[in-house]
Amino acid sequence: MSLMGELQFFLGLQIKKGPEGTFVHQAKYTKDILRKFDKGDLKPMATPMSTQTALDADEEGEVVDQREYRGMIGSLLYLTATRPDIQFAVCLCARFQASPKLSHRQAVKRIFRYLKYTPELGLWFSSASLLSLRGYSDADFAGCPLEHQSTSGTCQFLGSSLVSWSSRKQSSVATSTTEAEYIAAASCCSQLLWMKSTLSDFGLSFRKIPLLVDSSSAISIAKNPVLHSRTKHIDVRFHFLRDHYEKGDIDLIHVETENQLADIFTKPLDLSIFAHLCGELGVCYPF
């Protein structure tokens, strides 16, 4: 083995360390994929997806090169390692890899236009924050126009640093906004418990981990057993949320919608809200 000095570049990740924290980004990788797919001359855009975008199967649309489309999606998925701001847009476009149409390619092109505008964005990990664990969960009810499935968005913080995030279509069709929010909260709870178990190996222990949800009804279902007689349609596997609430592993806390950080992982947002949430997630330019 040889001493190669302080870590600065690893598998496309660029790392900048300082006394106040660490900044991780993929600026070089971003510029490389812009050149690879001939997107370097695109007009920059301030958001990765328009709020008017509603992608569906587009059966009558013009067929595009499936191999190229999959290549673009694969490259963008790797970029989400440090760019949670494009997570929702990339995952949404990834749903149409089996039969991509021109409308889907245009949506991917919009993501590249956003990357042209923000090639050096990355994640900031502060060294001054306390090692506390918390999570956010949100859901966009029936957000998928094809199967009417909802989209779950979750993110987890260690101190002030974002360490895990997800944007995923739910496996079953929710019958209400409350059910969709409850399922998303259960998914976030599962991730928090895994992180709690992992961090225990480092001698860190957590109890009553805050899980912030913007649905009062979903919180009530988890806290009030009387409501369960009216919510039997919610799959049994999601009721472990209430179980871990009773054990004191998590603490369900209501958060106003404008402060729900996981909102960025569930739907397209306008520029002002999008920029605000990016800042709250720690997505920024290098110092």
C-alpha atoms as a PDB file:
ATOM      1  CA  MET A   1       0.000   0.000   0.000  1.00  0.00           C
ATOM      2  CA  SER A   2       1.148   3.555  -0.636  1.00  0.00           C
ATOM      3  CA  LEU A   3       0.153   6.843   0.933  1.00  0.00           C
ATOM      4  CA  MET A   4      -1.527   8.935  -1.762  1.00  0.00           C
ATOM      5  CA  GLY A   5      -2.366  11.965   0.358  1.00  0.00           C
ATOM      6  CA  GLU A   6      -5.738  13.432   1.252  1.00  0.00           C
ATOM      7  CA  LEU A   7      -8.749  12.140  -0.725  1.00  0.00           C
ATOM      8  CA  GLN A   8      -9.696  14.570  -3.492  1.00  0.00           C
ATOM      9  CA  PHE A   9     -11.203  12.457  -6.282  1.00  0.00           C
ATOM     10  CA  PHE A  10     -12.880   9.053  -6.162  1.00  0.00           C
ATOM     11  CA  LEU A  11     -15.094   7.392  -8.803  1.00  0.00           C
ATOM     12  CA  GLY A  12     -16.232  10.708 -10.219  1.00  0.00           C
ATOM     13  CA  LEU A  13     -16.744  12.294  -6.809  1.00  0.00           C
ATOM     14  CA  GLN A  14     -14.707  15.402  -6.058  1.00  0.00           C
ATOM     15  CA  ILE A  15     -14.029  16.087  -2.382  1.00  0.00           C
ATOM     16  CA  LYS A  16     -12.944  19.391  -0.882  1.00  0.00           C
ATOM     17  CA  LYS A  17     -12.114  19.402   2.819  1.00  0.00           C
ATOM     18  CA  GLY A  18     -11.798  22.403   5.091  1.00  0.00           C
ATOM     19  CA  PRO A  19     -11.880  23.263   8.792  1.00  0.00           C
ATOM     20  CA  GLU A  20     -15.624  23.949   8.624  1.00  0.00           C
ATOM     21  CA  GLY A  21     -16.641  20.812   6.767  1.00  0.00           C
ATOM     22  CA  THR A  22     -16.497  18.816   3.538  1.00  0.00           C
ATOM     23  CA  PHE A  23     -17.935  19.633   0.116  1.00  0.00           C
ATOM     24  CA  VAL A  24     -18.655  16.747  -2.279  1.00  0.00           C
ATOM     25  CA  HIS A  25     -19.581  17.391  -5.908  1.00  0.00           C
ATOM     26  CA  GLN A  26     -19.383  15.929  -9.424  1.00  0.00           C
ATOM     27  CA  ALA A  27     -18.596  18.995 -11.520  1.00  0.00           C
ATOM     28  CA  LYS A  28     -16.140  17.197 -13.814  1.00  0.00           C
ATOM     29  CA  TYR A  29     -18.540  14.276 -14.292  1.00  0.00           C
ATOM     30  CA  THR A  30     -21.374  16.701 -15.072  1.00  0.00           C
ATOM     31  CA  LYS A  31     -19.344  18.451 -17.771  1.00  0.00           C
ATOM     32  CA  ASP A  32     -18.231  15.075 -19.155  1.00  0.00           C
ATOM     33  CA  ILE A  33     -21.793  13.798 -19.656  1.00  0.00           C
ATOM     34  CA  LEU A  34     -22.835  17.122 -21.196  1.00  0.00           C
ATOM     35  CA  ARG A  35     -20.098  16.601 -23.805  1.00  0.00           C
ATOM     36  CA  LYS A  36     -20.824  12.888 -24.172  1.00  0.00           C
ATOM     37  CA  PHE A  37     -24.448  13.476 -25.172  1.00  0.00           C
ATOM     38  CA  ASP A  38     -23.744  16.702 -27.118  1.00  0.00           C
ATOM     39  CA  LYS A  39     -25.644  18.880 -24.652  1.00  0.00           C
ATOM     40  CA  GLY A  40     -22.911  21.458 -24.134  1.00  0.00           C
ATOM     41  CA  ASP A  41     -24.610  24.092 -26.307  1.00  0.00           C
ATOM     42  CA  LEU A  42     -28.023  23.922 -24.659  1.00  0.00           C
ATOM     43  CA  LYS A  43     -29.688  27.012 -23.263  1.00  0.00           C
ATOM     44  CA  PRO A  44     -29.413  26.856 -19.430  1.00  0.00           C
ATOM     45  CA  MET A  45     -32.556  26.529 -17.295  1.00  0.00           C
ATOM     46  CA  ALA A  46     -33.010  27.298 -13.595  1.00  0.00           C
ATOM     47  CA  THR A  47     -35.058  24.180 -12.714  1.00  0.00           C
ATOM     48  CA  PRO A  48     -34.766  20.539 -13.860  1.00  0.00           C
ATOM     49  CA  MET A  49     -38.461  20.166 -14.695  1.00  0.00           C
ATOM     50  CA  SER A  50     -41.332  22.454 -15.579  1.00  0.00           C
ATOM     51  CA  THR A  51     -44.308  22.552 -13.212  1.00  0.00           C
ATOM     52  CA  GLN A  52     -46.472  22.009 -16.308  1.00  0.00           C
ATOM     53  CA  THR A  53     -44.770  18.696 -17.125  1.00  0.00           C
ATOM     54  CA  ALA A  54     -47.018  15.639 -16.801  1.00  0.00           C
ATOM     55  CA  LEU A  55     -45.285  12.666 -18.381  1.00  0.00           C
ATOM     56  CA  ASP A  56     -47.302   9.634 -19.423  1.00  0.00           C
ATOM     57  CA  ALA A  57     -46.787   6.684 -21.779  1.00  0.00           C
ATOM     58  CA  ASP A  58     -47.447   8.943 -24.825  1.00  0.00           C
ATOM     59  CA  GLU A  59     -48.505   5.970 -26.962  1.00  0.00           C
ATOM     60  CA  GLU A  60     -48.911   8.115 -30.081  1.00  0.00           C
ATOM     61  CA  GLY A  61     -45.621   9.958 -29.615  1.00  0.00           C
ATOM     62  CA  GLU A  62     -42.562   9.727 -31.819  1.00  0.00           C
ATOM     63  CA  VAL A  63     -40.230   6.843 -30.858  1.00  0.00           C
ATOM     64  CA  VAL A  64     -36.643   7.801 -29.989  1.00  0.00           C
ATOM     65  CA  ASP A  65     -33.390   5.820 -29.728  1.00  0.00           C
ATOM     66  CA  GLN A  66     -33.882   3.543 -26.721  1.00  0.00           C
ATOM     67  CA  ARG A  67     -30.165   2.890 -26.277  1.00  0.00           C
ATOM     68  CA  GLU A  68     -29.284   6.586 -26.143  1.00  0.00           C
ATOM     69  CA  TYR A  69     -32.181   7.312 -23.785  1.00  0.00           C
ATOM     70  CA  ARG A  70     -31.109   4.580 -21.372  1.00  0.00           C
ATOM     71  CA  GLY A  71     -27.535   5.819 -21.543  1.00  0.00           C
ATOM     72  CA  MET A  72     -28.616   9.324 -20.548  1.00  0.00           C
ATOM     73  CA  ILE A  73     -30.770   8.013 -17.696  1.00  0.00           C
ATOM     74  CA  GLY A  74     -27.958   5.800 -16.391  1.00  0.00           C
ATOM     75  CA  SER A  75     -25.496   8.686 -16.420  1.00  0.00           C
ATOM     76  CA  LEU A  76     -27.953  10.969 -14.645  1.00  0.00           C
ATOM     77  CA  LEU A  77     -28.761   8.355 -12.005  1.00  0.00           C
ATOM     78  CA  TYR A  78     -25.089   8.208 -11.028  1.00  0.00           C
ATOM     79  CA  LEU A  79     -25.069  11.991 -10.755  1.00  0.00           C
ATOM     80  CA  THR A  80     -27.825  11.855  -8.115  1.00  0.00           C
ATOM     81  CA  ALA A  81     -25.157  10.624  -5.678  1.00  0.00           C
ATOM     82  CA  THR A  82     -24.437  14.299  -4.946  1.00  0.00           C
ATOM     83  CA  ARG A  83     -27.380  16.007  -6.649  1.00  0.00           C
ATOM     84  CA  PRO A  84     -30.640  15.382  -4.765  1.00  0.00           C
ATOM     85  CA  ASP A  85     -32.066  18.380  -6.635  1.00  0.00           C
ATOM     86  CA  ILE A  86     -32.457  16.233  -9.792  1.00  0.00           C
ATOM     87  CA  GLN A  87     -33.550  13.041  -8.034  1.00  0.00           C
ATOM     88  CA  PHE A  88     -37.276  13.358  -8.762  1.00  0.00           C
ATOM     89  CA  ALA A  89     -36.878  14.457 -12.385  1.00  0.00           C
ATOM     90  CA  VAL A  90     -34.425  11.656 -13.207  1.00  0.00           C
ATOM     91  CA  CYS A  91     -36.475   8.956 -11.474  1.00  0.00           C
ATOM     92  CA  LEU A  92     -39.627  10.122 -13.268  1.00  0.00           C
ATOM     93  CA  CYS A  93     -37.936   9.950 -16.668  1.00  0.00           C
ATOM     94  CA  ALA A  94     -36.442   6.559 -15.781  1.00  0.00           C
ATOM     95  CA  ARG A  95     -39.946   5.052 -15.665  1.00  0.00           C
ATOM     96  CA  PHE A  96     -40.181   5.256 -19.473  1.00  0.00           C
ATOM     97  CA  GLN A  97     -36.973   3.457 -20.464  1.00  0.00           C
ATOM     98  CA  ALA A  98     -38.855   0.493 -21.953  1.00  0.00           C
ATOM     99  CA  SER A  99     -40.438   2.609 -24.695  1.00  0.00           C
ATOM    100  CA  PRO A 100     -39.145   6.196 -24.677  1.00  0.00           C
ATOM    101  CA  LYS A 101     -40.889   8.808 -26.788  1.00  0.00           C
ATOM    102  CA  LEU A 102     -39.919  12.288 -27.916  1.00  0.00           C
ATOM    103  CA  SER A 103     -41.759  13.874 -24.973  1.00  0.00           C
ATOM    104  CA  HIS A 104     -39.687  11.815 -22.543  1.00  0.00           C
ATOM    105  CA  ARG A 105     -36.471  12.775 -24.294  1.00  0.00           C
ATOM    106  CA  GLN A 106     -37.494  16.440 -24.091  1.00  0.00           C
ATOM    107  CA  ALA A 107     -37.924  16.041 -20.323  1.00  0.00           C
ATOM    108  CA  VAL A 108     -34.417  14.553 -20.078  1.00  0.00           C
ATOM    109  CA  LYS A 109     -33.103  17.403 -22.207  1.00  0.00           C
ATOM    110  CA  ARG A 110     -34.595  19.843 -19.661  1.00  0.00           C
ATOM    111  CA  ILE A 111     -32.541  18.128 -16.930  1.00  0.00           C
ATOM    112  CA  PHE A 112     -29.371  18.598 -18.993  1.00  0.00           C
ATOM    113  CA  ARG A 113     -30.267  22.260 -19.496  1.00  0.00           C
ATOM    114  CA  TYR A 114     -30.493  22.612 -15.725  1.00  0.00           C
ATOM    115  CA  LEU A 115     -27.106  20.895 -15.313  1.00  0.00           C
ATOM    116  CA  LYS A 116     -25.632  23.336 -17.833  1.00  0.00           C
ATOM    117  CA  TYR A 117     -26.884  26.112 -15.530  1.00  0.00           C
ATOM    118  CA  THR A 118     -25.602  24.471 -12.300  1.00  0.00           C
ATOM    119  CA  PRO A 119     -22.629  22.183 -13.114  1.00  0.00           C
ATOM    120  CA  GLU A 120     -20.751  22.775  -9.851  1.00  0.00           C
ATOM    121  CA  LEU A 121     -23.529  22.244  -7.328  1.00  0.00           C
ATOM    122  CA  GLY A 122     -22.808  19.648  -4.645  1.00  0.00           C
ATOM    123  CA  LEU A 123     -23.481  18.685  -1.046  1.00  0.00           C
ATOM    124  CA  TRP A 124     -22.068  20.434   1.991  1.00  0.00           C
ATOM    125  CA  PHE A 125     -21.333  18.411   5.143  1.00  0.00           C
ATOM    126  CA  SER A 126     -20.701  20.696   8.098  1.00  0.00           C
ATOM    127  CA  SER A 127     -18.237  19.603  10.772  1.00  0.00           C
ATOM    128  CA  ALA A 128     -19.899  21.833  13.388  1.00  0.00           C
ATOM    129  CA  SER A 129     -23.365  20.253  13.492  1.00  0.00           C
ATOM    130  CA  LEU A 130     -24.477  17.946  16.289  1.00  0.00           C
ATOM    131  CA  LEU A 131     -24.891  14.248  15.538  1.00  0.00           C
ATOM    132  CA  SER A 132     -28.668  14.175  15.739  1.00  0.00           C
ATOM    133  CA  LEU A 133     -30.823  12.084  13.416  1.00  0.00           C
ATOM    134  CA  ARG A 134     -34.081  13.238  11.788  1.00  0.00           C
ATOM    135  CA  GLY A 135     -36.175  12.425   8.752  1.00  0.00           C
ATOM    136  CA  TYR A 136     -38.762  14.014   6.465  1.00  0.00           C
ATOM    137  CA  SER A 137     -41.421  12.210   4.448  1.00  0.00           C
ATOM    138  CA  ASP A 138     -43.937  13.401   1.875  1.00  0.00           C
ATOM    139  CA  ALA A 139     -46.135  11.938  -0.851  1.00  0.00           C
ATOM    140  CA  ASP A 140     -47.742  13.157  -4.051  1.00  0.00           C
ATOM    141  CA  PHE A 141     -51.135  11.414  -4.111  1.00  0.00           C
ATOM    142  CA  ALA A 142     -51.813   9.553  -7.395  1.00  0.00           C
ATOM    143  CA  GLY A 143     -48.894  11.376  -9.002  1.00  0.00           C
ATOM    144  CA  CYS A 144     -48.406   8.688 -11.646  1.00  0.00           C
ATOM    145  CA  PRO A 145     -50.972   9.268 -14.459  1.00  0.00           C
ATOM    146  CA  LEU A 146     -50.451   5.726 -15.801  1.00  0.00           C
ATOM    147  CA  GLU A 147     -51.279   3.550 -12.800  1.00  0.00           C
ATOM    148  CA  HIS A 148     -52.460   6.271 -10.379  1.00  0.00           C
ATOM    149  CA  GLN A 149     -49.800   5.284  -7.888  1.00  0.00           C
ATOM    150  CA  SER A 150     -48.432   7.892  -5.511  1.00  0.00           C
ATOM    151  CA  THR A 151     -44.819   9.021  -5.280  1.00  0.00           C
ATOM    152  CA  SER A 152     -43.021   8.810  -1.922  1.00  0.00           C
ATOM    153  CA  GLY A 153     -40.297  11.299  -1.121  1.00  0.00           C
ATOM    154  CA  THR A 154     -38.071  10.870   1.925  1.00  0.00           C
ATOM    155  CA  CYS A 155     -34.825  12.343   3.202  1.00  0.00           C
ATOM    156  CA  GLN A 156     -32.726  11.809   6.313  1.00  0.00           C
ATOM    157  CA  PHE A 157     -30.299  14.162   8.043  1.00  0.00           C
ATOM    158  CA  LEU A 158     -27.401  13.524  10.395  1.00  0.00           C
ATOM    159  CA  GLY A 159     -27.091  16.827  12.158  1.00  0.00           C
ATOM    160  CA  SER A 160     -27.506  19.511   9.492  1.00  0.00           C
ATOM    161  CA  SER A 161     -26.131  17.270   6.728  1.00  0.00           C
ATOM    162  CA  LEU A 162     -28.279  15.389   4.227  1.00  0.00           C
ATOM    163  CA  VAL A 163     -27.051  11.781   4.134  1.00  0.00           C
ATOM    164  CA  SER A 164     -29.881   9.835   2.486  1.00  0.00           C
ATOM    165  CA  TRP A 165     -32.802  10.592   0.168  1.00  0.00           C
ATOM    166  CA  SER A 166     -35.297   8.789  -2.023  1.00  0.00           C
ATOM    167  CA  SER A 167     -37.966   9.453  -4.663  1.00  0.00           C
ATOM    168  CA  ARG A 168     -39.931   6.325  -5.453  1.00  0.00           C
ATOM    169  CA  LYS A 169     -43.272   5.287  -6.903  1.00  0.00           C
ATOM    170  CA  GLN A 170     -45.295   3.389  -4.306  1.00  0.00           C
ATOM    171  CA  SER A 171     -45.868  -0.300  -5.022  1.00  0.00           C
ATOM    172  CA  SER A 172     -49.622  -0.145  -4.397  1.00  0.00           C
ATOM    173  CA  VAL A 173     -52.403   2.294  -5.254  1.00  0.00           C
ATOM    174  CA  ALA A 174     -53.332   4.466  -2.274  1.00  0.00           C
ATOM    175  CA  THR A 175     -57.031   5.258  -1.851  1.00  0.00           C
ATOM    176  CA  SER A 176     -56.478   8.628  -0.190  1.00  0.00           C
ATOM    177  CA  THR A 177     -53.889  11.313   0.431  1.00  0.00           C
ATOM    178  CA  THR A 178     -53.675  10.170   4.055  1.00  0.00           C
ATOM    179  CA  GLU A 179     -52.842   6.611   3.048  1.00  0.00           C
ATOM    180  CA  ALA A 180     -50.175   7.795   0.597  1.00  0.00           C
ATOM    181  CA  GLU A 181     -48.599   9.977   3.298  1.00  0.00           C
ATOM    182  CA  TYR A 182     -48.748   7.118   5.820  1.00  0.00           C
ATOM    183  CA  ILE A 183     -46.987   4.729   3.441  1.00  0.00           C
ATOM    184  CA  ALA A 184     -44.276   7.315   2.737  1.00  0.00           C
ATOM    185  CA  ALA A 185     -43.781   7.880   6.486  1.00  0.00           C
ATOM    186  CA  ALA A 186     -43.448   4.122   7.014  1.00  0.00           C
ATOM    187  CA  SER A 187     -40.743   3.990   4.342  1.00  0.00           C
ATOM    188  CA  CYS A 188     -38.878   6.871   5.993  1.00  0.00           C
ATOM    189  CA  CYS A 189     -39.210   5.179   9.384  1.00  0.00           C
ATOM    190  CA  SER A 190     -37.637   2.016   7.980  1.00  0.00           C
ATOM    191  CA  GLN A 191     -34.643   3.975   6.669  1.00  0.00           C
ATOM    192  CA  LEU A 192     -34.217   5.825   9.979  1.00  0.00           C
ATOM    193  CA  LEU A 193     -34.208   2.534  11.894  1.00  0.00           C
ATOM    194  CA  TRP A 194     -31.546   1.127   9.551  1.00  0.00           C
ATOM    195  CA  MET A 195     -29.417   4.243  10.055  1.00  0.00           C
ATOM    196  CA  LYS A 196     -29.924   4.030  13.825  1.00  0.00           C
ATOM    197  CA  SER A 197     -28.707   0.418  13.788  1.00  0.00           C
ATOM    198  CA  THR A 198     -25.689   1.289  11.626  1.00  0.00           C
ATOM    199  CA  LEU A 199     -24.692   4.275  13.772  1.00  0.00           C
ATOM    200  CA  SER A 200     -24.906   2.152  16.919  1.00  0.00           C
ATOM    201  CA  ASP A 201     -21.751   0.385  15.685  1.00  0.00           C
ATOM    202  CA  PHE A 202     -19.971   3.712  16.161  1.00  0.00           C
ATOM    203  CA  GLY A 203     -21.221   4.064  19.729  1.00  0.00           C
ATOM    204  CA  LEU A 204     -24.039   6.477  18.854  1.00  0.00           C
ATOM    205  CA  SER A 205     -27.521   5.900  20.248  1.00  0.00           C
ATOM    206  CA  PHE A 206     -30.757   7.665  19.355  1.00  0.00           C
ATOM    207  CA  ARG A 207     -34.241   7.622  20.835  1.00  0.00           C
ATOM    208  CA  LYS A 208     -37.406   9.323  19.650  1.00  0.00           C
ATOM    209  CA  ILE A 209     -35.929  10.212  16.275  1.00  0.00           C
ATOM    210  CA  PRO A 210     -37.978  13.099  14.813  1.00  0.00           C
ATOM    211  CA  LEU A 211     -39.914  12.127  11.690  1.00  0.00           C
ATOM    212  CA  LEU A 212     -41.508  15.230  10.178  1.00  0.00           C
ATOM    213  CA  VAL A 213     -44.733  14.738   8.218  1.00  0.00           C
ATOM    214  CA  ASP A 214     -47.029  17.425   6.806  1.00  0.00           C
ATOM    215  CA  SER A 215     -50.190  15.299   7.082  1.00  0.00           C
ATOM    216  CA  SER A 216     -51.995  15.531  10.415  1.00  0.00           C
ATOM    217  CA  SER A 217     -54.253  12.628   9.418  1.00  0.00           C
ATOM    218  CA  ALA A 218     -51.322  10.274   8.781  1.00  0.00           C
ATOM    219  CA  ILE A 219     -49.856  11.177  12.172  1.00  0.00           C
ATOM    220  CA  SER A 220     -53.222  10.516  13.817  1.00  0.00           C
ATOM    221  CA  ILE A 221     -53.416   7.035  12.282  1.00  0.00           C
ATOM    222  CA  ALA A 222     -50.030   6.166  13.760  1.00  0.00           C
ATOM    223  CA  LYS A 223     -50.844   7.611  17.192  1.00  0.00           C
ATOM    224  CA  ASN A 224     -54.520   6.684  17.655  1.00  0.00           C
ATOM    225  CA  PRO A 225     -55.463   2.964  17.637  1.00  0.00           C
ATOM    226  CA  VAL A 226     -59.163   3.824  17.398  1.00  0.00           C
ATOM    227  CA  LEU A 227     -58.660   5.010  13.835  1.00  0.00           C
ATOM    228  CA  HIS A 228     -57.313   1.625  12.793  1.00  0.00           C
ATOM    229  CA  SER A 229     -60.793   0.148  12.526  1.00  0.00           C
ATOM    230  CA  ARG A 230     -61.395   2.561   9.650  1.00  0.00           C
ATOM    231  CA  THR A 231     -58.029   2.028   7.999  1.00  0.00           C
ATOM    232  CA  LYS A 232     -57.925  -1.744   7.514  1.00  0.00           C
ATOM    233  CA  HIS A 233     -57.331  -1.227   3.785  1.00  0.00           C
ATOM    234  CA  ILE A 234     -53.833   0.001   4.601  1.00  0.00           C
ATOM    235  CA  ASP A 235     -51.521  -2.977   4.255  1.00  0.00           C
ATOM    236  CA  VAL A 236     -50.444  -4.578   7.536  1.00  0.00           C
ATOM    237  CA  ARG A 237     -46.762  -4.153   6.746  1.00  0.00           C
ATOM    238  CA  PHE A 238     -47.079  -0.381   7.051  1.00  0.00           C
ATOM    239  CA  HIS A 239     -48.537  -0.499  10.565  1.00  0.00           C
ATOM    240  CA  PHE A 240     -45.083  -1.037  12.027  1.00  0.00           C
ATOM    241  CA  LEU A 241     -44.882   2.779  11.982  1.00  0.00           C
ATOM    242  CA  ARG A 242     -47.258   2.868  14.937  1.00  0.00           C
ATOM    243  CA  ASP A 243     -45.355   0.034  16.615  1.00  0.00           C
ATOM    244  CA  HIS A 244     -42.072   1.951  16.542  1.00  0.00           C
ATOM    245  CA  TYR A 245     -43.815   5.137  17.646  1.00  0.00           C
ATOM    246  CA  GLU A 246     -45.112   3.304  20.735  1.00  0.00           C
ATOM    247  CA  LYS A 247     -41.649   1.875  21.429  1.00  0.00           C
ATOM    248  CA  GLY A 248     -40.189   5.391  21.379  1.00  0.00           C
ATOM    249  CA  ASP A 249     -37.898   4.735  18.429  1.00  0.00           C
ATOM    250  CA  ILE A 250     -39.394   7.634  16.470  1.00  0.00           C
ATOM    251  CA  ASP A 251     -41.408  10.732  17.262  1.00  0.00           C
ATOM    252  CA  LEU A 252     -43.948  11.815  14.644  1.00  0.00           C
ATOM    253  CA  ILE A 253     -43.973  15.597  14.315  1.00  0.00           C
ATOM    254  CA  HIS A 254     -46.200  17.746  12.114  1.00  0.00           C
ATOM    255  CA  VAL A 255     -44.433  20.203   9.821  1.00  0.00           C
ATOM    256  CA  GLU A 256     -46.001  22.887   7.646  1.00  0.00           C
ATOM    257  CA  THR A 257     -46.017  22.131   3.923  1.00  0.00           C
ATOM    258  CA  GLU A 258     -43.720  25.064   3.115  1.00  0.00           C
ATOM    259  CA  ASN A 259     -41.112  23.569   5.475  1.00  0.00           C
ATOM    260  CA  GLN A 260     -41.479  20.000   4.213  1.00  0.00           C
ATOM    261  CA  LEU A 261     -38.036  19.339   2.717  1.00  0.00           C
ATOM    262  CA  ALA A 262     -39.087  16.037   1.140  1.00  0.00           C
ATOM    263  CA  ASP A 263     -41.503  17.918  -1.126  1.00  0.00           C
ATOM    264  CA  ILE A 264     -38.708  18.322  -3.680  1.00  0.00           C
ATOM    265  CA  PHE A 265     -38.662  14.520  -4.182  1.00  0.00           C
ATOM    266  CA  THR A 266     -42.361  14.170  -5.054  1.00  0.00           C
ATOM    267  CA  LYS A 267     -43.232  16.692  -7.794  1.00  0.00           C
ATOM    268  CA  PRO A 268     -41.948  19.559  -9.965  1.00  0.00           C
ATOM    269  CA  LEU A 269     -41.718  22.880  -8.107  1.00  0.00           C
ATOM    270  CA  ASP A 270     -41.544  26.505  -9.161  1.00  0.00           C
ATOM    271  CA  LEU A 271     -38.213  28.297  -8.985  1.00  0.00           C
ATOM    272  CA  SER A 272     -38.612  30.084  -5.642  1.00  0.00           C
ATOM    273  CA  ILE A 273     -39.697  26.974  -3.707  1.00  0.00           C
ATOM    274  CA  PHE A 274     -37.178  24.779  -5.526  1.00  0.00           C
ATOM    275  CA  ALA A 275     -34.283  27.124  -4.714  1.00  0.00           C
ATOM    276  CA  HIS A 276     -35.369  27.387  -1.069  1.00  0.00           C
ATOM    277  CA  LEU A 277     -35.528  23.616  -0.593  1.00  0.00           C
ATOM    278  CA  CYS A 278     -32.165  23.094  -2.317  1.00  0.00           C
ATOM    279  CA  GLY A 279     -30.611  25.469   0.187  1.00  0.00           C
ATOM    280  CA  GLU A 280     -32.254  23.678   3.109  1.00  0.00           C
ATOM    281  CA  LEU A 281     -30.959  20.329   1.832  1.00  0.00           C
ATOM    282  CA  GLY A 282     -27.396  21.632   1.731  1.00  0.00           C
ATOM    283  CA  VAL A 283     -27.160  21.682  -2.080  1.00  0.00           C
ATOM    284  CA  CYS A 284     -24.825  24.607  -2.800  1.00  0.00           C
ATOM    285  CA  TYR A 285     -21.788  25.855  -4.696  1.00  0.00           C
ATOM    286  CA  PRO A 286     -18.245  25.243  -3.395  1.00  0.00           C
ATOM    287  CA  PHE A 287     -16.986  27.715  -0.831  1.00  0.00           C
END
